[in-house]
PDB file of all heavy atoms in Angstrom:
ATOM      1  N   ASP A   1     -35.112 -21.606 -61.328  1.00  0.00           N
ATOM      2  CA  ASP A   1     -33.964 -21.018 -60.778  1.00  0.00           C
ATOM      3  C   ASP A   1     -33.892 -21.101 -59.249  1.00  0.00           C
ATOM      4  O   ASP A   1     -32.749 -21.080 -58.736  1.00  0.00           O
ATOM      5  CB  ASP A   1     -33.907 -19.485 -61.200  1.00  0.00           C
ATOM      6  CG  ASP A   1     -33.682 -19.343 -62.601  1.00  0.00           C
ATOM      7  OD1 ASP A   1     -33.179 -20.346 -63.325  1.00  0.00           O
ATOM      8  OD2 ASP A   1     -33.970 -18.269 -63.158  1.00  0.00           O
ATOM      9  N   SER A   2     -34.961 -21.230 -58.539  1.00  0.00           N
ATOM     10  CA  SER A   2     -34.899 -21.336 -57.085  1.00  0.00           C
ATOM     11  C   SER A   2     -34.267 -22.603 -56.675  1.00  0.00           C
ATOM     12  O   SER A   2     -33.804 -22.755 -55.480  1.00  0.00           O
ATOM     13  CB  SER A   2     -36.241 -21.235 -56.463  1.00  0.00           C
ATOM     14  OG  SER A   2     -37.052 -22.304 -56.684  1.00  0.00           O
ATOM     15  N   PHE A   3     -34.108 -23.693 -57.585  1.00  0.00           N
ATOM     16  CA  PHE A   3     -33.484 -24.890 -57.294  1.00  0.00           C
ATOM     17  C   PHE A   3     -32.077 -24.927 -57.604  1.00  0.00           C
ATOM     18  O   PHE A   3     -31.300 -25.941 -57.381  1.00  0.00           O
ATOM     19  CB  PHE A   3     -34.219 -26.138 -57.914  1.00  0.00           C
ATOM     20  CG  PHE A   3     -35.704 -26.193 -57.416  1.00  0.00           C
ATOM     21  CD1 PHE A   3     -36.737 -25.728 -58.278  1.00  0.00           C
ATOM     22  CD2 PHE A   3     -35.978 -26.887 -56.284  1.00  0.00           C
ATOM     23  CE1 PHE A   3     -38.007 -25.875 -57.864  1.00  0.00           C
ATOM     24  CE2 PHE A   3     -37.295 -26.893 -55.890  1.00  0.00           C
ATOM     25  CZ  PHE A   3     -38.426 -26.525 -56.679  1.00  0.00           C
ATOM     26  N   ARG A   4     -31.572 -23.808 -58.166  1.00  0.00           N
ATOM     27  CA  ARG A   4     -30.204 -23.843 -58.714  1.00  0.00           C
ATOM     28  C   ARG A   4     -29.301 -23.279 -57.599  1.00  0.00           C
ATOM     29  O   ARG A   4     -28.085 -23.192 -57.880  1.00  0.00           O
ATOM     30  CB  ARG A   4     -30.058 -23.037 -59.934  1.00  0.00           C
ATOM     31  CG  ARG A   4     -30.884 -23.558 -61.201  1.00  0.00           C
ATOM     32  CD  ARG A   4     -30.372 -24.870 -61.579  1.00  0.00           C
ATOM     33  NE  ARG A   4     -29.124 -24.966 -62.085  1.00  0.00           N
ATOM     34  CZ  ARG A   4     -28.323 -26.010 -62.207  1.00  0.00           C
ATOM     35  NH1 ARG A   4     -28.854 -27.196 -61.938  1.00  0.00           N
ATOM     36  NH2 ARG A   4     -27.147 -25.925 -62.669  1.00  0.00           N
ATOM     37  N   LEU A   5     -29.825 -22.869 -56.495  1.00  0.00           N
ATOM     38  CA  LEU A   5     -29.089 -22.379 -55.290  1.00  0.00           C
ATOM     39  C   LEU A   5     -28.014 -21.253 -55.656  1.00  0.00           C
ATOM     40  O   LEU A   5     -26.862 -21.226 -55.162  1.00  0.00           O
ATOM     41  CB  LEU A   5     -28.327 -23.517 -54.626  1.00  0.00           C
ATOM     42  CG  LEU A   5     -29.232 -24.568 -54.095  1.00  0.00           C
ATOM     43  CD1 LEU A   5     -28.428 -25.762 -53.444  1.00  0.00           C
ATOM     44  CD2 LEU A   5     -30.194 -24.054 -53.014  1.00  0.00           C
ATOM     45  N   ALA A   6     -28.367 -20.347 -56.538  1.00  0.00           N
ATOM     46  CA  ALA A   6     -27.554 -19.210 -56.969  1.00  0.00           C
ATOM     47  C   ALA A   6     -26.251 -19.654 -57.538  1.00  0.00           C
ATOM     48  O   ALA A   6     -25.346 -18.842 -57.503  1.00  0.00           O
ATOM     49  CB  ALA A   6     -27.406 -18.168 -55.751  1.00  0.00           C
ATOM     50  N   MET A   7     -26.123 -20.807 -58.001  1.00  0.00           N
ATOM     51  CA  MET A   7     -24.988 -21.302 -58.679  1.00  0.00           C
ATOM     52  C   MET A   7     -25.024 -20.965 -60.130  1.00  0.00           C
ATOM     53  O   MET A   7     -26.105 -21.049 -60.681  1.00  0.00           O
ATOM     54  CB  MET A   7     -24.750 -22.829 -58.503  1.00  0.00           C
ATOM     55  CG  MET A   7     -24.639 -23.245 -57.056  1.00  0.00           C
ATOM     56  SD  MET A   7     -23.233 -22.554 -56.166  1.00  0.00           S
ATOM     57  CE  MET A   7     -21.900 -23.590 -57.031  1.00  0.00           C
ATOM     58  N   PRO A   8     -23.879 -20.579 -60.748  1.00  0.00           N
ATOM     59  CA  PRO A   8     -23.935 -20.310 -62.123  1.00  0.00           C
ATOM     60  C   PRO A   8     -24.251 -21.665 -62.934  1.00  0.00           C
ATOM     61  O   PRO A   8     -23.977 -22.742 -62.498  1.00  0.00           O
ATOM     62  CB  PRO A   8     -22.505 -19.912 -62.539  1.00  0.00           C
ATOM     63  CG  PRO A   8     -21.660 -20.445 -61.378  1.00  0.00           C
ATOM     64  CD  PRO A   8     -22.552 -20.527 -60.160  1.00  0.00           C
ATOM     65  N   ASP A   9     -24.917 -21.491 -64.073  1.00  0.00           N
ATOM     66  CA  ASP A   9     -25.194 -22.676 -64.908  1.00  0.00           C
ATOM     67  C   ASP A   9     -23.979 -23.344 -65.379  1.00  0.00           C
ATOM     68  O   ASP A   9     -22.975 -22.738 -65.757  1.00  0.00           O
ATOM     69  CB  ASP A   9     -26.052 -22.301 -66.124  1.00  0.00           C
ATOM     70  CG  ASP A   9     -27.509 -21.955 -65.817  1.00  0.00           C
ATOM     71  OD1 ASP A   9     -27.956 -22.327 -64.638  1.00  0.00           O
ATOM     72  OD2 ASP A   9     -28.248 -21.346 -66.670  1.00  0.00           O
ATOM     73  N   ASP A  10     -24.075 -24.667 -65.326  1.00  0.00           N
ATOM     74  CA  ASP A  10     -22.999 -25.470 -65.993  1.00  0.00           C
ATOM     75  C   ASP A  10     -23.367 -25.689 -67.455  1.00  0.00           C
ATOM     76  O   ASP A  10     -24.457 -25.280 -67.883  1.00  0.00           O
ATOM     77  CB  ASP A  10     -22.796 -26.778 -65.308  1.00  0.00           C
ATOM     78  CG  ASP A  10     -24.065 -27.658 -65.039  1.00  0.00           C
ATOM     79  OD1 ASP A  10     -24.917 -27.601 -65.941  1.00  0.00           O
ATOM     80  OD2 ASP A  10     -24.074 -28.320 -64.005  1.00  0.00           O
ATOM     81  N   GLU A  11     -22.514 -26.348 -68.230  1.00  0.00           N
ATOM     82  CA  GLU A  11     -22.778 -26.536 -69.591  1.00  0.00           C
ATOM     83  C   GLU A  11     -24.084 -27.266 -69.891  1.00  0.00           C
ATOM     84  O   GLU A  11     -24.847 -27.080 -70.748  1.00  0.00           O
ATOM     85  CB  GLU A  11     -21.641 -27.249 -70.272  1.00  0.00           C
ATOM     86  CG  GLU A  11     -21.744 -27.467 -71.713  1.00  0.00           C
ATOM     87  CD  GLU A  11     -21.915 -26.101 -72.538  1.00  0.00           C
ATOM     88  OE1 GLU A  11     -21.311 -25.121 -72.103  1.00  0.00           O
ATOM     89  OE2 GLU A  11     -22.600 -26.136 -73.528  1.00  0.00           O
ATOM     90  N   GLY A  12     -24.286 -28.376 -68.920  1.00  0.00           N
ATOM     91  CA  GLY A  12     -25.567 -29.118 -69.037  1.00  0.00           C
ATOM     92  C   GLY A  12     -26.817 -28.248 -68.922  1.00  0.00           C
ATOM     93  O   GLY A  12     -27.777 -28.407 -69.671  1.00  0.00           O
ATOM     94  N   MET A  13     -26.754 -27.317 -67.891  1.00  0.00           N
ATOM     95  CA  MET A  13     -28.019 -26.617 -67.662  1.00  0.00           C
ATOM     96  C   MET A  13     -28.206 -25.575 -68.871  1.00  0.00           C
ATOM     97  O   MET A  13     -29.332 -25.304 -69.222  1.00  0.00           O
ATOM     98  CB  MET A  13     -27.806 -25.734 -66.324  1.00  0.00           C
ATOM     99  CG  MET A  13     -29.176 -25.141 -65.799  1.00  0.00           C
ATOM    100  SD  MET A  13     -30.360 -26.436 -65.406  1.00  0.00           S
ATOM    101  CE  MET A  13     -31.784 -25.689 -66.155  1.00  0.00           C
ATOM    102  N   ARG A  14     -27.061 -25.083 -69.379  1.00  0.00           N
ATOM    103  CA  ARG A  14     -27.203 -24.164 -70.521  1.00  0.00           C
ATOM    104  C   ARG A  14     -27.852 -24.918 -71.660  1.00  0.00           C
ATOM    105  O   ARG A  14     -28.653 -24.321 -72.441  1.00  0.00           O
ATOM    106  CB  ARG A  14     -25.863 -23.595 -70.887  1.00  0.00           C
ATOM    107  CG  ARG A  14     -25.407 -22.470 -69.978  1.00  0.00           C
ATOM    108  CD  ARG A  14     -24.201 -21.730 -70.478  1.00  0.00           C
ATOM    109  NE  ARG A  14     -22.999 -22.588 -70.550  1.00  0.00           N
ATOM    110  CZ  ARG A  14     -22.191 -22.784 -69.434  1.00  0.00           C
ATOM    111  NH1 ARG A  14     -22.509 -22.210 -68.292  1.00  0.00           N
ATOM    112  NH2 ARG A  14     -21.161 -23.558 -69.565  1.00  0.00           N
ATOM    113  N   THR A  15     -27.387 -26.198 -71.911  1.00  0.00           N
ATOM    114  CA  THR A  15     -28.059 -27.007 -72.924  1.00  0.00           C
ATOM    115  C   THR A  15     -29.565 -27.213 -72.742  1.00  0.00           C
ATOM    116  O   THR A  15     -30.356 -27.017 -73.747  1.00  0.00           O
ATOM    117  CB  THR A  15     -27.387 -28.386 -72.957  1.00  0.00           C
ATOM    118  OG1 THR A  15     -25.955 -28.269 -73.312  1.00  0.00           O
ATOM    119  CG2 THR A  15     -28.027 -29.314 -74.015  1.00  0.00           C
ATOM    120  N   ILE A  16     -29.950 -27.386 -71.550  1.00  0.00           N
ATOM    121  CA  ILE A  16     -31.356 -27.612 -71.247  1.00  0.00           C
ATOM    122  C   ILE A  16     -32.191 -26.294 -71.401  1.00  0.00           C
ATOM    123  O   ILE A  16     -33.224 -26.315 -72.056  1.00  0.00           O
ATOM    124  CB  ILE A  16     -31.570 -28.181 -69.781  1.00  0.00           C
ATOM    125  CG1 ILE A  16     -31.032 -29.585 -69.690  1.00  0.00           C
ATOM    126  CG2 ILE A  16     -33.096 -28.199 -69.457  1.00  0.00           C
ATOM    127  CD1 ILE A  16     -31.577 -30.658 -70.658  1.00  0.00           C
ATOM    128  N   ARG A  17     -31.535 -25.240 -70.962  1.00  0.00           N
ATOM    129  CA  ARG A  17     -32.280 -23.895 -71.157  1.00  0.00           C
ATOM    130  C   ARG A  17     -32.382 -23.585 -72.582  1.00  0.00           C
ATOM    131  O   ARG A  17     -33.436 -23.030 -73.072  1.00  0.00           O
ATOM    132  CB  ARG A  17     -31.514 -22.741 -70.430  1.00  0.00           C
ATOM    133  CG  ARG A  17     -31.681 -22.908 -68.834  1.00  0.00           C
ATOM    134  CD  ARG A  17     -31.009 -21.526 -68.310  1.00  0.00           C
ATOM    135  NE  ARG A  17     -30.842 -21.698 -66.894  1.00  0.00           N
ATOM    136  CZ  ARG A  17     -31.712 -21.437 -65.974  1.00  0.00           C
ATOM    137  NH1 ARG A  17     -32.929 -21.034 -66.388  1.00  0.00           N
ATOM    138  NH2 ARG A  17     -31.430 -21.455 -64.745  1.00  0.00           N
ATOM    139  N   ASN A  18     -31.356 -23.844 -73.450  1.00  0.00           N
ATOM    140  CA  ASN A  18     -31.399 -23.566 -74.867  1.00  0.00           C
ATOM    141  C   ASN A  18     -32.505 -24.464 -75.548  1.00  0.00           C
ATOM    142  O   ASN A  18     -33.226 -24.002 -76.417  1.00  0.00           O
ATOM    143  CB  ASN A  18     -30.097 -23.866 -75.500  1.00  0.00           C
ATOM    144  CG  ASN A  18     -29.074 -22.734 -75.132  1.00  0.00           C
ATOM    145  OD1 ASN A  18     -29.416 -21.649 -74.758  1.00  0.00           O
ATOM    146  ND2 ASN A  18     -27.843 -23.057 -75.308  1.00  0.00           N
ATOM    147  N   ALA A  19     -32.621 -25.683 -75.115  1.00  0.00           N
ATOM    148  CA  ALA A  19     -33.690 -26.584 -75.632  1.00  0.00           C
ATOM    149  C   ALA A  19     -35.060 -26.010 -75.293  1.00  0.00           C
ATOM    150  O   ALA A  19     -35.987 -25.969 -76.194  1.00  0.00           O
ATOM    151  CB  ALA A  19     -33.572 -28.057 -75.089  1.00  0.00           C
ATOM    152  N   PHE A  20     -35.366 -25.637 -74.033  1.00  0.00           N
ATOM    153  CA  PHE A  20     -36.561 -24.982 -73.659  1.00  0.00           C
ATOM    154  C   PHE A  20     -36.813 -23.728 -74.534  1.00  0.00           C
ATOM    155  O   PHE A  20     -37.931 -23.467 -75.096  1.00  0.00           O
ATOM    156  CB  PHE A  20     -36.650 -24.535 -72.287  1.00  0.00           C
ATOM    157  CG  PHE A  20     -37.170 -25.651 -71.391  1.00  0.00           C
ATOM    158  CD1 PHE A  20     -36.358 -26.302 -70.444  1.00  0.00           C
ATOM    159  CD2 PHE A  20     -38.411 -26.207 -71.479  1.00  0.00           C
ATOM    160  CE1 PHE A  20     -36.736 -27.345 -69.546  1.00  0.00           C
ATOM    161  CE2 PHE A  20     -38.878 -27.148 -70.582  1.00  0.00           C
ATOM    162  CZ  PHE A  20     -38.023 -27.746 -69.708  1.00  0.00           C
ATOM    163  N   ALA A  21     -35.801 -22.929 -74.692  1.00  0.00           N
ATOM    164  CA  ALA A  21     -35.971 -21.577 -75.470  1.00  0.00           C
ATOM    165  C   ALA A  21     -36.291 -21.868 -76.930  1.00  0.00           C
ATOM    166  O   ALA A  21     -37.032 -21.167 -77.561  1.00  0.00           O
ATOM    167  CB  ALA A  21     -34.814 -20.729 -75.286  1.00  0.00           C
ATOM    168  N   SER A  22     -35.750 -22.967 -77.465  1.00  0.00           N
ATOM    169  CA  SER A  22     -35.832 -23.192 -78.948  1.00  0.00           C
ATOM    170  C   SER A  22     -37.138 -24.003 -79.173  1.00  0.00           C
ATOM    171  O   SER A  22     -37.608 -24.151 -80.363  1.00  0.00           O
ATOM    172  CB  SER A  22     -34.622 -23.980 -79.442  1.00  0.00           C
ATOM    173  OG  SER A  22     -34.630 -25.279 -78.865  1.00  0.00           O
ATOM    174  N   GLY A  23     -37.707 -24.647 -78.131  1.00  0.00           N
ATOM    175  CA  GLY A  23     -38.829 -25.482 -78.317  1.00  0.00           C
ATOM    176  C   GLY A  23     -38.483 -26.901 -78.779  1.00  0.00           C
ATOM    177  O   GLY A  23     -39.402 -27.720 -79.102  1.00  0.00           O
ATOM    178  N   LYS A  24     -37.231 -27.192 -78.856  1.00  0.00           N
ATOM    179  CA  LYS A  24     -36.780 -28.448 -79.347  1.00  0.00           C
ATOM    180  C   LYS A  24     -36.359 -29.418 -78.179  1.00  0.00           C
ATOM    181  O   LYS A  24     -36.011 -28.852 -77.031  1.00  0.00           O
ATOM    182  CB  LYS A  24     -35.514 -28.310 -80.209  1.00  0.00           C
ATOM    183  CG  LYS A  24     -35.835 -27.562 -81.448  1.00  0.00           C
ATOM    184  CD  LYS A  24     -34.541 -27.409 -82.300  1.00  0.00           C
ATOM    185  CE  LYS A  24     -34.929 -26.530 -83.534  1.00  0.00           C
ATOM    186  NZ  LYS A  24     -33.689 -26.250 -84.287  1.00  0.00           N
ATOM    187  N   PRO A  25     -36.481 -30.698 -78.322  1.00  0.00           N
ATOM    188  CA  PRO A  25     -36.103 -31.589 -77.234  1.00  0.00           C
ATOM    189  C   PRO A  25     -34.569 -31.489 -76.975  1.00  0.00           C
ATOM    190  O   PRO A  25     -33.834 -31.054 -77.839  1.00  0.00           O
ATOM    191  CB  PRO A  25     -36.344 -33.008 -77.868  1.00  0.00           C
ATOM    192  CG  PRO A  25     -37.302 -32.796 -78.905  1.00  0.00           C
ATOM    193  CD  PRO A  25     -37.021 -31.431 -79.390  1.00  0.00           C
ATOM    194  N   GLY A  26     -34.187 -31.733 -75.717  1.00  0.00           N
ATOM    195  CA  GLY A  26     -32.753 -31.635 -75.352  1.00  0.00           C
ATOM    196  C   GLY A  26     -32.448 -32.667 -74.204  1.00  0.00           C
ATOM    197  O   GLY A  26     -33.355 -33.184 -73.614  1.00  0.00           O
ATOM    198  N   ALA A  27     -31.150 -32.929 -74.075  1.00  0.00           N
ATOM    199  CA  ALA A  27     -30.649 -33.814 -73.093  1.00  0.00           C
ATOM    200  C   ALA A  27     -29.257 -33.470 -72.694  1.00  0.00           C
ATOM    201  O   ALA A  27     -28.504 -33.005 -73.496  1.00  0.00           O
ATOM    202  CB  ALA A  27     -30.752 -35.221 -73.629  1.00  0.00           C
ATOM    203  N   ALA A  28     -28.961 -33.651 -71.432  1.00  0.00           N
ATOM    204  CA  ALA A  28     -27.612 -33.250 -70.904  1.00  0.00           C
ATOM    205  C   ALA A  28     -27.423 -33.827 -69.548  1.00  0.00           C
ATOM    206  O   ALA A  28     -28.378 -34.217 -68.849  1.00  0.00           O
ATOM    207  CB  ALA A  28     -27.532 -31.750 -70.717  1.00  0.00           C
ATOM    208  N   GLU A  29     -26.188 -33.964 -69.142  1.00  0.00           N
ATOM    209  CA  GLU A  29     -25.884 -34.329 -67.824  1.00  0.00           C
ATOM    210  C   GLU A  29     -25.541 -33.087 -67.082  1.00  0.00           C
ATOM    211  O   GLU A  29     -24.729 -32.239 -67.544  1.00  0.00           O
ATOM    212  CB  GLU A  29     -24.610 -35.254 -67.817  1.00  0.00           C
ATOM    213  CG  GLU A  29     -24.342 -35.916 -66.512  1.00  0.00           C
ATOM    214  CD  GLU A  29     -23.352 -37.014 -66.518  1.00  0.00           C
ATOM    215  OE1 GLU A  29     -23.647 -38.099 -66.979  1.00  0.00           O
ATOM    216  OE2 GLU A  29     -22.206 -36.741 -66.212  1.00  0.00           O
ATOM    217  N   LEU A  30     -26.119 -32.850 -65.853  1.00  0.00           N
ATOM    218  CA  LEU A  30     -25.855 -31.604 -65.173  1.00  0.00           C
ATOM    219  C   LEU A  30     -25.850 -31.894 -63.608  1.00  0.00           C
ATOM    220  O   LEU A  30     -26.291 -32.913 -63.133  1.00  0.00           O
ATOM    221  CB  LEU A  30     -26.969 -30.564 -65.520  1.00  0.00           C
ATOM    222  CG  LEU A  30     -28.429 -30.916 -65.398  1.00  0.00           C
ATOM    223  CD1 LEU A  30     -28.842 -30.624 -64.022  1.00  0.00           C
ATOM    224  CD2 LEU A  30     -29.123 -30.139 -66.377  1.00  0.00           C
TER     225      LEU A  30
END
């Protein structure tokens, strides 16, 4: 989060966070 510069997540970042949370691989453009 310290690299996100207090910006809200875009759709790509939400996809990546969901992949981490689920333990499944993920890919996105962000």
